[in-house]
Amino acid sequence: MIKEYKNKKSGRLRGLLGRTGRDEKGAALIEAAFVLPVMTLLTLGTLEVGAVMLSTTLLEGAIADASRQGITGYTVDGMTREEYITSVLKDRTYGFITLDNLVITNKVYDTFTDIATAEPYTDLDEDGDYTNGIDSFTDLNCNNQWDADIGESGVGGPGAVVVYSAEYDANFMTGFFSHAIGDADGKIRLVTSTAVKNEPYGSPTADCDPQVKT
């Protein structure tokens, strides 16, 4: 009888353990708690990267369109060439880009090899850098000062080489990514540029006569 009682008790215990082991209530909720945050993060990351890539593509297309307008010397009534080219660049972003975060610059050079070239100087004090008032330099752009980049602001005349540049501080949709991969302001800077040579329209501008100055 004692043996039979032990067998019945053991059977009830095995049955209880079996039911407990097969009970999967709440398992899906626990799994979702682990998976959903990861999936949400991946989805947001994909959207953020896509937005940045779209902004870059729009900027590159806008710069290309603006430069094509610039090389012809075309103007419209009531606008300077600079204003017209800037308006073309902004229009080609189709409202996707916040114009307050967009900085447009145009620099003019005589040749493509002059781009981002510094004016040559004689390092009289031998400190490795140009020192104003001591070192002499060749004033290539005739603006009476030494320049680390001889490019002048503007859109140039006939035959001039112009570098069109745009810098855009793109905003992120989520605070997580703005702090994770953005700068101190929670933005990511996008930069694009292109160099073109103006068509030989109209009369050429007067050449500069470079001179050595101090």
C-alpha atoms as a PDB file:
ATOM      1  CA  MET A   1       0.000   0.000   0.000  1.00  0.00           C
ATOM      2  CA  ILE A   2       2.878   2.329   0.825  1.00  0.00           C
ATOM      3  CA  LYS A   3       4.447   1.568  -2.539  1.00  0.00           C
ATOM      4  CA  GLU A   4       1.177   2.256  -4.331  1.00  0.00           C
ATOM      5  CA  TYR A   5       0.847   5.621  -2.511  1.00  0.00           C
ATOM      6  CA  LYS A   6       4.372   6.611  -3.542  1.00  0.00           C
ATOM      7  CA  ASN A   7       3.647   5.700  -7.143  1.00  0.00           C
ATOM      8  CA  LYS A   8       0.480   7.834  -7.166  1.00  0.00           C
ATOM      9  CA  LYS A   9       2.318  10.781  -5.601  1.00  0.00           C
ATOM     10  CA  SER A  10       5.170  10.480  -8.066  1.00  0.00           C
ATOM     11  CA  GLY A  11       2.687  10.324 -10.942  1.00  0.00           C
ATOM     12  CA  ARG A  12       0.913  13.488  -9.832  1.00  0.00           C
ATOM     13  CA  LEU A  13       4.278  15.291  -9.527  1.00  0.00           C
ATOM     14  CA  ARG A  14       5.345  14.226 -13.009  1.00  0.00           C
ATOM     15  CA  GLY A  15       2.021  15.382 -14.404  1.00  0.00           C
ATOM     16  CA  LEU A  16       2.360  18.784 -12.722  1.00  0.00           C
ATOM     17  CA  LEU A  17       5.889  19.215 -14.014  1.00  0.00           C
ATOM     18  CA  GLY A  18       4.791  18.136 -17.479  1.00  0.00           C
ATOM     19  CA  ARG A  19       1.991  20.692 -17.612  1.00  0.00           C
ATOM     20  CA  THR A  20       4.366  23.378 -16.335  1.00  0.00           C
ATOM     21  CA  GLY A  21       6.950  22.565 -18.975  1.00  0.00           C
ATOM     22  CA  ARG A  22       4.358  22.710 -21.764  1.00  0.00           C
ATOM     23  CA  ASP A  23       2.822  26.005 -20.596  1.00  0.00           C
ATOM     24  CA  GLU A  24       4.001  28.646 -23.125  1.00  0.00           C
ATOM     25  CA  LYS A  25       1.646  31.422 -22.100  1.00  0.00           C
ATOM     26  CA  GLY A  26       3.470  34.815 -22.311  1.00  0.00           C
ATOM     27  CA  ALA A  27       6.403  33.435 -24.320  1.00  0.00           C
ATOM     28  CA  ALA A  28       5.481  35.523 -27.366  1.00  0.00           C
ATOM     29  CA  LEU A  29       5.317  38.665 -25.252  1.00  0.00           C
ATOM     30  CA  ILE A  30       8.775  38.035 -23.836  1.00  0.00           C
ATOM     31  CA  GLU A  31      10.193  37.375 -27.292  1.00  0.00           C
ATOM     32  CA  ALA A  32       8.611  40.571 -28.598  1.00  0.00           C
ATOM     33  CA  ALA A  33      10.168  42.544 -25.754  1.00  0.00           C
ATOM     34  CA  PHE A  34      13.598  41.477 -26.996  1.00  0.00           C
ATOM     35  CA  VAL A  35      12.992  41.678 -30.753  1.00  0.00           C
ATOM     36  CA  LEU A  36      10.906  44.862 -31.153  1.00  0.00           C
ATOM     37  CA  PRO A  37      13.536  47.341 -29.871  1.00  0.00           C
ATOM     38  CA  VAL A  38      16.133  45.856 -32.214  1.00  0.00           C
ATOM     39  CA  MET A  39      13.778  45.921 -35.215  1.00  0.00           C
ATOM     40  CA  THR A  40      12.699  49.473 -34.392  1.00  0.00           C
ATOM     41  CA  LEU A  41      16.305  50.622 -34.185  1.00  0.00           C
ATOM     42  CA  LEU A  42      17.177  48.969 -37.501  1.00  0.00           C
ATOM     43  CA  THR A  43      14.140  50.520 -39.194  1.00  0.00           C
ATOM     44  CA  LEU A  44      14.918  53.999 -37.915  1.00  0.00           C
ATOM     45  CA  GLY A  45      18.567  53.589 -38.881  1.00  0.00           C
ATOM     46  CA  THR A  46      17.567  52.633 -42.426  1.00  0.00           C
ATOM     47  CA  LEU A  47      15.302  55.678 -42.685  1.00  0.00           C
ATOM     48  CA  GLU A  48      18.010  57.986 -41.319  1.00  0.00           C
ATOM     49  CA  VAL A  49      20.628  56.691 -43.753  1.00  0.00           C
ATOM     50  CA  GLY A  50      18.142  56.954 -46.608  1.00  0.00           C
ATOM     51  CA  ALA A  51      17.350  60.570 -45.715  1.00  0.00           C
ATOM     52  CA  VAL A  52      21.050  61.487 -45.659  1.00  0.00           C
ATOM     53  CA  MET A  53      21.643  59.775 -49.015  1.00  0.00           C
ATOM     54  CA  LEU A  54      18.659  61.586 -50.529  1.00  0.00           C
ATOM     55  CA  SER A  55      19.946  64.931 -49.250  1.00  0.00           C
ATOM     56  CA  THR A  56      23.367  64.229 -50.765  1.00  0.00           C
ATOM     57  CA  THR A  57      21.843  63.258 -54.111  1.00  0.00           C
ATOM     58  CA  LEU A  58      19.685  66.392 -54.181  1.00  0.00           C
ATOM     59  CA  LEU A  59      22.669  68.610 -53.389  1.00  0.00           C
ATOM     60  CA  GLU A  60      24.804  67.030 -56.095  1.00  0.00           C
ATOM     61  CA  GLY A  61      22.021  67.413 -58.653  1.00  0.00           C
ATOM     62  CA  ALA A  62      21.343  71.004 -57.622  1.00  0.00           C
ATOM     63  CA  ILE A  63      25.020  71.963 -57.864  1.00  0.00           C
ATOM     64  CA  ALA A  64      25.236  70.383 -61.325  1.00  0.00           C
ATOM     65  CA  ASP A  65      22.146  72.303 -62.531  1.00  0.00           C
ATOM     66  CA  ALA A  66      23.374  75.574 -61.046  1.00  0.00           C
ATOM     67  CA  SER A  67      26.802  75.229 -62.680  1.00  0.00           C
ATOM     68  CA  ARG A  68      25.219  74.492 -66.081  1.00  0.00           C
ATOM     69  CA  GLN A  69      23.269  77.738 -65.792  1.00  0.00           C
ATOM     70  CA  GLY A  70      26.332  79.622 -64.606  1.00  0.00           C
ATOM     71  CA  ILE A  71      28.650  78.768 -67.511  1.00  0.00           C
ATOM     72  CA  THR A  72      26.295  80.392 -70.036  1.00  0.00           C
ATOM     73  CA  GLY A  73      26.271  83.839 -68.412  1.00  0.00           C
ATOM     74  CA  TYR A  74      22.468  83.846 -68.484  1.00  0.00           C
ATOM     75  CA  THR A  75      20.639  86.346 -66.291  1.00  0.00           C
ATOM     76  CA  VAL A  76      17.012  87.223 -65.619  1.00  0.00           C
ATOM     77  CA  ASP A  77      15.455  90.630 -65.055  1.00  0.00           C
ATOM     78  CA  GLY A  78      15.690  91.884 -61.508  1.00  0.00           C
ATOM     79  CA  MET A  79      18.383  89.370 -60.450  1.00  0.00           C
ATOM     80  CA  THR A  80      22.157  89.289 -60.611  1.00  0.00           C
ATOM     81  CA  ARG A  81      23.894  86.192 -62.016  1.00  0.00           C
ATOM     82  CA  GLU A  82      24.838  85.170 -58.475  1.00  0.00           C
ATOM     83  CA  GLU A  83      21.249  85.516 -57.259  1.00  0.00           C
ATOM     84  CA  TYR A  84      19.882  83.579 -60.223  1.00  0.00           C
ATOM     85  CA  ILE A  85      22.353  80.703 -59.830  1.00  0.00           C
ATOM     86  CA  THR A  86      21.653  80.529 -56.099  1.00  0.00           C
ATOM     87  CA  SER A  87      17.905  80.426 -56.770  1.00  0.00           C
ATOM     88  CA  VAL A  88      18.395  77.569 -59.251  1.00  0.00           C
ATOM     89  CA  LEU A  89      20.375  75.586 -56.687  1.00  0.00           C
ATOM     90  CA  LYS A  90      17.729  76.094 -54.010  1.00  0.00           C
ATOM     91  CA  ASP A  91      14.853  75.252 -56.364  1.00  0.00           C
ATOM     92  CA  ARG A  92      16.458  71.928 -57.320  1.00  0.00           C
ATOM     93  CA  THR A  93      16.310  70.702 -53.732  1.00  0.00           C
ATOM     94  CA  TYR A  94      12.492  70.555 -54.035  1.00  0.00           C
ATOM     95  CA  GLY A  95      11.811  71.736 -50.484  1.00  0.00           C
ATOM     96  CA  PHE A  96      13.420  68.658 -48.942  1.00  0.00           C
ATOM     97  CA  ILE A  97      16.391  70.629 -47.675  1.00  0.00           C
ATOM     98  CA  THR A  98      16.073  73.299 -44.985  1.00  0.00           C
ATOM     99  CA  LEU A  99      17.450  76.413 -46.658  1.00  0.00           C
ATOM    100  CA  ASP A 100      18.488  77.919 -43.319  1.00  0.00           C
ATOM    101  CA  ASN A 101      21.049  75.111 -43.022  1.00  0.00           C
ATOM    102  CA  LEU A 102      22.350  75.509 -46.591  1.00  0.00           C
ATOM    103  CA  VAL A 103      25.493  77.544 -47.332  1.00  0.00           C
ATOM    104  CA  ILE A 104      26.350  78.207 -50.989  1.00  0.00           C
ATOM    105  CA  THR A 105      29.745  79.515 -52.103  1.00  0.00           C
ATOM    106  CA  ASN A 106      31.219  80.220 -55.541  1.00  0.00           C
ATOM    107  CA  LYS A 107      34.938  80.821 -56.156  1.00  0.00           C
ATOM    108  CA  VAL A 108      36.520  82.028 -59.371  1.00  0.00           C
ATOM    109  CA  TYR A 109      39.936  80.975 -60.737  1.00  0.00           C
ATOM    110  CA  ASP A 110      41.853  81.550 -63.948  1.00  0.00           C
ATOM    111  CA  THR A 111      42.594  77.869 -64.551  1.00  0.00           C
ATOM    112  CA  PHE A 112      41.691  74.486 -63.050  1.00  0.00           C
ATOM    113  CA  THR A 113      45.222  74.132 -61.643  1.00  0.00           C
ATOM    114  CA  ASP A 114      44.680  77.282 -59.577  1.00  0.00           C
ATOM    115  CA  ILE A 115      41.879  75.712 -57.512  1.00  0.00           C
ATOM    116  CA  ALA A 116      42.629  75.809 -53.767  1.00  0.00           C
ATOM    117  CA  THR A 117      46.124  77.164 -54.479  1.00  0.00           C
ATOM    118  CA  ALA A 118      47.830  79.489 -52.004  1.00  0.00           C
ATOM    119  CA  GLU A 119      49.734  82.547 -53.130  1.00  0.00           C
ATOM    120  CA  PRO A 120      53.487  81.898 -53.073  1.00  0.00           C
ATOM    121  CA  TYR A 121      55.463  83.727 -50.413  1.00  0.00           C
ATOM    122  CA  THR A 122      59.018  84.085 -49.132  1.00  0.00           C
ATOM    123  CA  ASP A 123      59.305  82.908 -45.530  1.00  0.00           C
ATOM    124  CA  LEU A 124      61.681  85.622 -44.352  1.00  0.00           C
ATOM    125  CA  ASP A 125      61.256  84.850 -40.632  1.00  0.00           C
ATOM    126  CA  GLU A 126      61.563  81.100 -41.303  1.00  0.00           C
ATOM    127  CA  ASP A 127      58.633  80.147 -39.067  1.00  0.00           C
ATOM    128  CA  GLY A 128      57.053  77.849 -41.655  1.00  0.00           C
ATOM    129  CA  ASP A 129      53.977  80.070 -42.180  1.00  0.00           C
ATOM    130  CA  TYR A 130      53.164  83.341 -43.863  1.00  0.00           C
ATOM    131  CA  THR A 131      53.590  86.273 -41.475  1.00  0.00           C
ATOM    132  CA  ASN A 132      51.735  89.431 -42.411  1.00  0.00           C
ATOM    133  CA  GLY A 133      53.977  92.487 -42.632  1.00  0.00           C
ATOM    134  CA  ILE A 134      57.194  90.440 -42.658  1.00  0.00           C
ATOM    135  CA  ASP A 135      57.052  87.839 -45.425  1.00  0.00           C
ATOM    136  CA  SER A 136      56.755  88.940 -49.041  1.00  0.00           C
ATOM    137  CA  PHE A 137      54.217  87.311 -51.379  1.00  0.00           C
ATOM    138  CA  THR A 138      53.066  87.352 -54.978  1.00  0.00           C
ATOM    139  CA  ASP A 139      49.599  88.908 -55.161  1.00  0.00           C
ATOM    140  CA  LEU A 140      48.126  86.624 -57.824  1.00  0.00           C
ATOM    141  CA  ASN A 141      44.534  87.873 -57.511  1.00  0.00           C
ATOM    142  CA  CYS A 142      45.466  91.546 -57.018  1.00  0.00           C
ATOM    143  CA  ASN A 143      43.487  92.032 -53.798  1.00  0.00           C
ATOM    144  CA  ASN A 144      46.485  93.449 -51.871  1.00  0.00           C
ATOM    145  CA  GLN A 145      46.588  90.641 -49.297  1.00  0.00           C
ATOM    146  CA  TRP A 146      48.052  87.132 -49.004  1.00  0.00           C
ATOM    147  CA  ASP A 147      45.483  84.357 -49.534  1.00  0.00           C
ATOM    148  CA  ALA A 148      45.668  80.687 -48.630  1.00  0.00           C
ATOM    149  CA  ASP A 149      43.214  80.181 -51.510  1.00  0.00           C
ATOM    150  CA  ILE A 150      43.473  82.588 -54.454  1.00  0.00           C
ATOM    151  CA  GLY A 151      39.863  81.992 -55.488  1.00  0.00           C
ATOM    152  CA  GLU A 152      37.651  85.075 -55.459  1.00  0.00           C
ATOM    153  CA  SER A 153      33.955  85.087 -54.613  1.00  0.00           C
ATOM    154  CA  GLY A 154      31.664  85.314 -57.619  1.00  0.00           C
ATOM    155  CA  VAL A 155      30.575  83.456 -60.735  1.00  0.00           C
ATOM    156  CA  GLY A 156      33.323  84.704 -63.045  1.00  0.00           C
ATOM    157  CA  GLY A 157      33.419  86.119 -66.541  1.00  0.00           C
ATOM    158  CA  PRO A 158      33.932  84.508 -69.955  1.00  0.00           C
ATOM    159  CA  GLY A 159      36.376  81.580 -69.820  1.00  0.00           C
ATOM    160  CA  ALA A 160      36.780  81.713 -66.038  1.00  0.00           C
ATOM    161  CA  VAL A 161      36.894  78.548 -63.925  1.00  0.00           C
ATOM    162  CA  VAL A 162      34.267  78.520 -61.171  1.00  0.00           C
ATOM    163  CA  VAL A 163      33.955  76.125 -58.225  1.00  0.00           C
ATOM    164  CA  TYR A 164      30.382  75.816 -56.961  1.00  0.00           C
ATOM    165  CA  SER A 165      30.093  74.441 -53.434  1.00  0.00           C
ATOM    166  CA  ALA A 166      27.228  73.684 -51.077  1.00  0.00           C
ATOM    167  CA  GLU A 167      27.404  72.781 -47.399  1.00  0.00           C
ATOM    168  CA  TYR A 168      24.320  71.466 -45.658  1.00  0.00           C
ATOM    169  CA  ASP A 169      23.773  70.580 -42.006  1.00  0.00           C
ATOM    170  CA  ALA A 170      21.266  67.744 -42.238  1.00  0.00           C
ATOM    171  CA  ASN A 171      18.891  67.134 -39.344  1.00  0.00           C
ATOM    172  CA  PHE A 172      18.130  63.678 -37.986  1.00  0.00           C
ATOM    173  CA  MET A 173      14.625  62.413 -37.348  1.00  0.00           C
ATOM    174  CA  THR A 174      15.509  60.839 -34.014  1.00  0.00           C
ATOM    175  CA  GLY A 175      17.473  62.094 -31.069  1.00  0.00           C
ATOM    176  CA  PHE A 176      19.314  58.796 -30.757  1.00  0.00           C
ATOM    177  CA  PHE A 177      21.106  59.066 -34.087  1.00  0.00           C
ATOM    178  CA  SER A 178      21.705  62.803 -33.784  1.00  0.00           C
ATOM    179  CA  HIS A 179      23.795  62.184 -30.660  1.00  0.00           C
ATOM    180  CA  ALA A 180      25.272  58.889 -31.847  1.00  0.00           C
ATOM    181  CA  ILE A 181      26.716  59.984 -35.210  1.00  0.00           C
ATOM    182  CA  GLY A 182      25.950  63.714 -35.477  1.00  0.00           C
ATOM    183  CA  ASP A 183      28.118  66.659 -34.483  1.00  0.00           C
ATOM    184  CA  ALA A 184      27.818  68.748 -31.332  1.00  0.00           C
ATOM    185  CA  ASP A 185      24.600  70.292 -32.659  1.00  0.00           C
ATOM    186  CA  GLY A 186      23.082  66.916 -33.514  1.00  0.00           C
ATOM    187  CA  LYS A 187      23.534  67.369 -37.271  1.00  0.00           C
ATOM    188  CA  ILE A 188      25.642  65.785 -39.986  1.00  0.00           C
ATOM    189  CA  ARG A 189      27.440  68.017 -42.483  1.00  0.00           C
ATOM    190  CA  LEU A 190      27.083  67.211 -46.169  1.00  0.00           C
ATOM    191  CA  VAL A 191      29.473  68.884 -48.617  1.00  0.00           C
ATOM    192  CA  THR A 192      29.400  68.758 -52.408  1.00  0.00           C
ATOM    193  CA  SER A 193      31.104  70.800 -55.115  1.00  0.00           C
ATOM    194  CA  THR A 194      31.837  70.912 -58.820  1.00  0.00           C
ATOM    195  CA  ALA A 195      34.263  72.876 -61.008  1.00  0.00           C
ATOM    196  CA  VAL A 196      33.301  74.191 -64.455  1.00  0.00           C
ATOM    197  CA  LYS A 197      34.688  76.574 -67.060  1.00  0.00           C
ATOM    198  CA  ASN A 198      32.474  79.373 -68.298  1.00  0.00           C
ATOM    199  CA  GLU A 199      31.676  79.612 -71.972  1.00  0.00           C
ATOM    200  CA  PRO A 200      33.439  82.359 -73.973  1.00  0.00           C
ATOM    201  CA  TYR A 201      30.431  84.684 -73.981  1.00  0.00           C
ATOM    202  CA  GLY A 202      30.675  88.483 -74.139  1.00  0.00           C
ATOM    203  CA  SER A 203      33.887  90.395 -73.531  1.00  0.00           C
ATOM    204  CA  PRO A 204      36.671  88.922 -71.392  1.00  0.00           C
ATOM    205  CA  THR A 205      37.433  90.592 -68.078  1.00  0.00           C
ATOM    206  CA  ALA A 206      40.664  92.512 -67.559  1.00  0.00           C
ATOM    207  CA  ASP A 207      43.625  90.403 -66.510  1.00  0.00           C
ATOM    208  CA  CYS A 208      45.263  90.906 -63.137  1.00  0.00           C
ATOM    209  CA  ASP A 209      48.936  91.939 -63.067  1.00  0.00           C
ATOM    210  CA  PRO A 210      50.499  89.937 -60.174  1.00  0.00           C
ATOM    211  CA  GLN A 211      53.106  91.810 -58.135  1.00  0.00           C
ATOM    212  CA  VAL A 212      55.369  90.966 -55.217  1.00  0.00           C
ATOM    213  CA  LYS A 213      54.188  92.659 -52.011  1.00  0.00           C
ATOM    214  CA  THR A 214      54.783  92.582 -48.266  1.00  0.00           C
END
